[in-house]
């Protein structure tokens, strides 16, 4: 399960601050999931700002919605799936490049 958020111009430091809050048990659970932070324009989405992808357990993704909902907009299923595909393609491309380096 996953959720994708358009955080506008919110910097990664703000995401790190939310996830690092020691007094919020939701932050601990969410921080243990797979988290990707990307600029929308670098993924081919010029109309989107900074994007946050949280993938993991259903309960953790629900907590991520609680934590990051106030910071930005959760993308609907169609746009979210497009972002996930773009992130995975970027990661696959990076991994194949590492294969060429370390052969």
N, C-alpha and C. Protein backbone atom coordinates (compact mmCIF):
# COMPACT_ATOMS: atom_id res chain seq x y z
N UNK A 1 0.85 -1.17 0.00
CA UNK A 1 0.00 0.00 0.00
C UNK A 1 0.90 1.24 0.00
N UNK A 2 0.38 2.30 -0.59
CA UNK A 2 1.17 3.53 -0.64
C UNK A 2 0.26 4.76 -0.64
N UNK A 3 0.89 5.90 -0.37
CA UNK A 3 0.23 7.20 -0.49
C UNK A 3 1.27 8.16 -1.05
N UNK A 4 0.80 9.05 -1.94
CA UNK A 4 1.67 10.07 -2.52
C UNK A 4 1.08 11.43 -2.17
N UNK A 5 1.94 12.31 -1.69
CA UNK A 5 1.52 13.65 -1.28
C UNK A 5 2.25 14.69 -2.11
N UNK A 6 1.51 15.70 -2.55
CA UNK A 6 2.11 16.88 -3.18
C UNK A 6 2.27 17.89 -2.06
N UNK A 7 3.51 18.13 -1.67
CA UNK A 7 3.80 19.01 -0.54
C UNK A 7 4.10 20.44 -0.98
N UNK A 8 3.88 20.74 -2.24
CA UNK A 8 4.15 22.09 -2.71
C UNK A 8 5.63 22.40 -2.59
N UNK A 9 5.95 23.48 -1.92
CA UNK A 9 7.34 23.90 -1.77
C UNK A 9 7.94 23.47 -0.43
N UNK A 10 7.22 22.65 0.32
CA UNK A 10 7.74 22.20 1.62
C UNK A 10 9.07 21.48 1.42
N UNK A 11 10.11 21.89 2.14
CA UNK A 11 11.42 21.26 1.97
C UNK A 11 11.50 19.90 2.66
N UNK A 12 12.47 19.10 2.26
CA UNK A 12 12.66 17.79 2.86
C UNK A 12 12.91 17.91 4.36
N UNK A 13 13.55 18.99 4.77
CA UNK A 13 13.80 19.19 6.20
C UNK A 13 12.50 19.19 7.00
N UNK A 14 11.43 19.70 6.42
CA UNK A 14 10.15 19.72 7.10
C UNK A 14 9.60 18.29 7.24
N UNK A 15 9.78 17.48 6.20
CA UNK A 15 9.38 16.07 6.26
C UNK A 15 10.18 15.36 7.35
N UNK A 16 11.49 15.59 7.36
CA UNK A 16 12.35 14.98 8.36
C UNK A 16 11.95 15.39 9.77
N UNK A 17 11.54 16.65 9.92
CA UNK A 17 11.12 17.14 11.23
C UNK A 17 9.85 16.42 11.69
N UNK A 18 8.90 16.23 10.79
CA UNK A 18 7.67 15.52 11.14
C UNK A 18 7.99 14.08 11.51
N UNK A 19 8.83 13.42 10.73
CA UNK A 19 9.15 12.02 10.99
C UNK A 19 10.02 11.83 12.22
N UNK A 20 10.75 12.85 12.59
CA UNK A 20 11.66 12.76 13.73
C UNK A 20 11.08 13.21 15.04
N UNK A 21 9.78 13.48 15.07
CA UNK A 21 9.13 13.96 16.30
C UNK A 21 9.07 12.83 17.32
N UNK A 22 9.88 12.91 18.39
CA UNK A 22 9.93 11.81 19.36
C UNK A 22 8.67 11.68 20.21
N UNK A 23 7.83 12.70 20.22
CA UNK A 23 6.63 12.65 21.05
C UNK A 23 5.41 12.12 20.30
N UNK A 24 5.57 11.82 19.01
CA UNK A 24 4.45 11.36 18.20
C UNK A 24 4.69 9.92 17.75
N UNK A 25 3.96 8.95 18.33
CA UNK A 25 4.17 7.55 17.96
C UNK A 25 3.85 7.26 16.49
N UNK A 26 3.02 8.09 15.87
CA UNK A 26 2.73 7.91 14.45
C UNK A 26 4.00 8.11 13.63
N UNK A 27 4.81 9.08 14.03
CA UNK A 27 6.04 9.39 13.31
C UNK A 27 6.99 8.20 13.33
N UNK A 28 7.08 7.52 14.45
CA UNK A 28 7.96 6.35 14.56
C UNK A 28 7.51 5.26 13.60
N UNK A 29 6.22 4.98 13.57
CA UNK A 29 5.69 3.94 12.69
C UNK A 29 5.91 4.29 11.22
N UNK A 30 5.59 5.52 10.84
CA UNK A 30 5.72 5.94 9.44
C UNK A 30 7.19 5.97 9.02
N UNK A 31 8.07 6.39 9.90
CA UNK A 31 9.49 6.51 9.53
C UNK A 31 10.12 5.15 9.24
N UNK A 32 9.48 4.07 9.65
CA UNK A 32 10.00 2.73 9.40
C UNK A 32 9.56 2.16 8.05
N UNK A 33 8.80 2.94 7.30
CA UNK A 33 8.32 2.51 5.99
C UNK A 33 9.28 3.00 4.91
N UNK A 34 9.01 2.61 3.68
CA UNK A 34 9.80 3.09 2.55
C UNK A 34 9.32 4.49 2.19
N UNK A 35 10.22 5.46 2.23
CA UNK A 35 9.86 6.85 2.00
C UNK A 35 10.76 7.43 0.91
N UNK A 36 10.13 8.06 -0.09
CA UNK A 36 10.87 8.71 -1.17
C UNK A 36 10.39 10.16 -1.28
N UNK A 37 11.33 11.06 -1.40
CA UNK A 37 11.04 12.49 -1.55
C UNK A 37 11.65 12.94 -2.87
N UNK A 38 10.84 13.46 -3.77
CA UNK A 38 11.31 13.88 -5.08
C UNK A 38 10.66 15.19 -5.48
N UNK A 39 11.32 15.92 -6.38
CA UNK A 39 10.71 17.11 -6.97
C UNK A 39 9.84 16.66 -8.13
N UNK A 40 8.61 17.16 -8.18
CA UNK A 40 7.70 16.78 -9.24
C UNK A 40 8.25 17.04 -10.63
N UNK A 41 8.88 18.19 -10.81
CA UNK A 41 9.36 18.54 -12.16
C UNK A 41 10.46 17.60 -12.63
N UNK A 42 11.29 17.07 -11.73
CA UNK A 42 12.35 16.15 -12.15
C UNK A 42 11.80 14.78 -12.54
N UNK A 43 10.59 14.48 -12.09
CA UNK A 43 9.95 13.23 -12.47
C UNK A 43 9.05 13.39 -13.69
N UNK A 44 8.95 14.63 -14.20
CA UNK A 44 8.11 14.87 -15.36
C UNK A 44 6.72 15.38 -15.02
N UNK A 45 6.56 15.92 -13.82
CA UNK A 45 5.28 16.47 -13.39
C UNK A 45 5.46 17.94 -13.02
N UNK A 46 5.55 18.82 -14.02
CA UNK A 46 5.86 20.23 -13.75
C UNK A 46 4.79 20.96 -12.94
N UNK A 47 3.56 20.42 -12.92
CA UNK A 47 2.49 21.08 -12.18
C UNK A 47 2.45 20.68 -10.70
N UNK A 48 3.32 19.75 -10.32
CA UNK A 48 3.36 19.30 -8.93
C UNK A 48 4.60 19.85 -8.26
N UNK A 49 4.52 19.99 -6.95
CA UNK A 49 5.67 20.47 -6.18
C UNK A 49 6.52 19.31 -5.71
N UNK A 50 7.00 19.41 -4.48
CA UNK A 50 7.77 18.33 -3.89
C UNK A 50 6.82 17.18 -3.58
N UNK A 51 7.24 15.98 -3.92
CA UNK A 51 6.39 14.80 -3.77
C UNK A 51 6.96 13.87 -2.71
N UNK A 52 6.07 13.33 -1.92
CA UNK A 52 6.44 12.37 -0.88
C UNK A 52 5.68 11.08 -1.15
N UNK A 53 6.42 9.99 -1.29
CA UNK A 53 5.83 8.66 -1.49
C UNK A 53 6.12 7.85 -0.24
N UNK A 54 5.06 7.35 0.39
CA UNK A 54 5.20 6.48 1.55
C UNK A 54 4.61 5.13 1.17
N UNK A 55 5.44 4.10 1.21
CA UNK A 55 5.00 2.74 0.91
C UNK A 55 5.23 1.85 2.12
N UNK A 56 4.23 1.02 2.43
CA UNK A 56 4.41 0.11 3.56
C UNK A 56 3.10 -0.48 4.02
N UNK A 57 3.07 -0.80 5.29
CA UNK A 57 1.89 -1.42 5.90
C UNK A 57 0.69 -0.47 5.83
N UNK A 58 -0.48 -1.03 5.71
CA UNK A 58 -1.70 -0.24 5.60
C UNK A 58 -1.86 0.71 6.78
N UNK A 59 -1.60 0.22 7.99
CA UNK A 59 -1.74 1.06 9.19
C UNK A 59 -0.76 2.23 9.15
N UNK A 60 0.44 1.98 8.68
CA UNK A 60 1.46 3.04 8.62
C UNK A 60 1.11 4.08 7.57
N UNK A 61 0.59 3.63 6.44
CA UNK A 61 0.20 4.58 5.39
C UNK A 61 -0.97 5.44 5.90
N UNK A 62 -1.88 4.85 6.64
CA UNK A 62 -2.98 5.63 7.23
C UNK A 62 -2.44 6.70 8.18
N UNK A 63 -1.42 6.34 8.95
CA UNK A 63 -0.79 7.32 9.85
C UNK A 63 -0.06 8.40 9.06
N UNK A 64 0.52 8.02 7.92
CA UNK A 64 1.19 9.01 7.07
C UNK A 64 0.18 10.03 6.56
N UNK A 65 -1.02 9.57 6.24
CA UNK A 65 -2.07 10.48 5.79
C UNK A 65 -2.39 11.48 6.91
N UNK A 66 -2.44 11.00 8.14
CA UNK A 66 -2.69 11.90 9.28
C UNK A 66 -1.55 12.90 9.45
N UNK A 67 -0.32 12.43 9.31
CA UNK A 67 0.84 13.30 9.53
C UNK A 67 1.06 14.32 8.42
N UNK A 68 0.93 13.87 7.17
CA UNK A 68 1.30 14.74 6.05
C UNK A 68 0.12 15.40 5.37
N UNK A 69 -1.10 14.99 5.71
CA UNK A 69 -2.28 15.64 5.16
C UNK A 69 -2.28 17.15 5.38
N UNK A 70 -1.93 17.59 6.59
CA UNK A 70 -1.90 19.04 6.83
C UNK A 70 -0.79 19.78 6.05
N UNK A 71 0.24 19.07 5.62
CA UNK A 71 1.34 19.72 4.90
C UNK A 71 1.09 19.84 3.41
N UNK A 72 0.23 18.99 2.89
CA UNK A 72 0.00 19.00 1.46
C UNK A 72 -1.22 18.20 1.08
N UNK A 73 -1.33 17.90 -0.21
CA UNK A 73 -2.50 17.21 -0.74
C UNK A 73 -2.13 15.78 -1.10
N UNK A 74 -2.93 14.83 -0.64
CA UNK A 74 -2.74 13.45 -1.06
C UNK A 74 -3.27 13.32 -2.49
N UNK A 75 -2.45 12.76 -3.36
CA UNK A 75 -2.86 12.62 -4.76
C UNK A 75 -3.89 11.50 -4.91
N UNK A 76 -4.82 11.70 -5.83
CA UNK A 76 -5.80 10.68 -6.16
C UNK A 76 -5.09 9.50 -6.81
N UNK A 77 -5.82 8.38 -6.96
CA UNK A 77 -5.24 7.13 -7.42
C UNK A 77 -4.49 7.25 -8.76
N UNK A 78 -5.09 7.88 -9.76
CA UNK A 78 -4.46 7.97 -11.08
C UNK A 78 -3.14 8.71 -11.06
N UNK A 79 -3.13 9.95 -10.58
CA UNK A 79 -1.86 10.69 -10.51
C UNK A 79 -0.84 10.02 -9.57
N UNK A 80 -1.33 9.45 -8.49
CA UNK A 80 -0.42 8.78 -7.55
C UNK A 80 0.28 7.60 -8.23
N UNK A 81 -0.47 6.81 -8.99
CA UNK A 81 0.12 5.67 -9.69
C UNK A 81 1.15 6.13 -10.71
N UNK A 82 0.89 7.25 -11.39
CA UNK A 82 1.85 7.79 -12.35
C UNK A 82 3.15 8.20 -11.64
N UNK A 83 3.02 8.79 -10.46
CA UNK A 83 4.20 9.19 -9.69
C UNK A 83 4.97 7.95 -9.25
N UNK A 84 4.27 6.94 -8.77
CA UNK A 84 4.93 5.71 -8.33
C UNK A 84 5.70 5.08 -9.49
N UNK A 85 5.09 5.02 -10.66
CA UNK A 85 5.78 4.46 -11.84
C UNK A 85 7.04 5.27 -12.16
N UNK A 86 6.93 6.59 -12.08
CA UNK A 86 8.09 7.45 -12.38
C UNK A 86 9.21 7.26 -11.36
N UNK A 87 8.86 7.14 -10.09
CA UNK A 87 9.87 6.93 -9.04
C UNK A 87 10.55 5.59 -9.26
N UNK A 88 9.77 4.55 -9.53
CA UNK A 88 10.35 3.21 -9.75
C UNK A 88 11.24 3.19 -10.99
N UNK A 89 10.82 3.89 -12.05
CA UNK A 89 11.64 3.95 -13.26
C UNK A 89 12.96 4.65 -12.96
N UNK A 90 12.91 5.73 -12.19
CA UNK A 90 14.14 6.45 -11.82
C UNK A 90 15.05 5.55 -10.99
N UNK A 91 14.47 4.80 -10.05
CA UNK A 91 15.27 3.91 -9.21
C UNK A 91 15.86 2.77 -10.03
N UNK A 92 15.08 2.22 -10.97
CA UNK A 92 15.59 1.14 -11.83
C UNK A 92 16.73 1.65 -12.70
N UNK A 93 16.57 2.86 -13.22
CA UNK A 93 17.62 3.45 -14.05
C UNK A 93 18.90 3.65 -13.25
N UNK A 94 18.75 4.10 -12.02
CA UNK A 94 19.92 4.30 -11.16
C UNK A 94 20.57 2.96 -10.84
N UNK A 95 19.77 1.94 -10.58
CA UNK A 95 20.31 0.62 -10.27
C UNK A 95 21.04 0.02 -11.47
N UNK A 96 20.51 0.21 -12.66
CA UNK A 96 21.18 -0.33 -13.85
C UNK A 96 22.49 0.41 -14.10
N UNK A 97 22.53 1.69 -13.78
CA UNK A 97 23.77 2.45 -13.90
C UNK A 97 24.83 1.95 -12.94
N UNK A 98 24.42 1.58 -11.74
CA UNK A 98 25.36 1.04 -10.76
C UNK A 98 25.90 -0.29 -11.24
N UNK A 99 25.07 -1.08 -11.95
CA UNK A 99 25.52 -2.34 -12.49
C UNK A 99 26.63 -2.15 -13.51
N UNK A 100 26.51 -1.09 -14.29
CA UNK A 100 27.55 -0.80 -15.28
C UNK A 100 28.85 -0.39 -14.60
N UNK A 101 28.73 0.31 -13.49
CA UNK A 101 29.92 0.78 -12.80
C UNK A 101 30.63 -0.39 -12.10
N UNK A 102 29.84 -1.21 -11.38
CA UNK A 102 30.43 -2.28 -10.59
C UNK A 102 30.45 -3.62 -11.32
N UNK A 103 29.77 -3.66 -12.50
CA UNK A 103 29.72 -4.80 -13.39
C UNK A 103 29.82 -6.09 -12.73
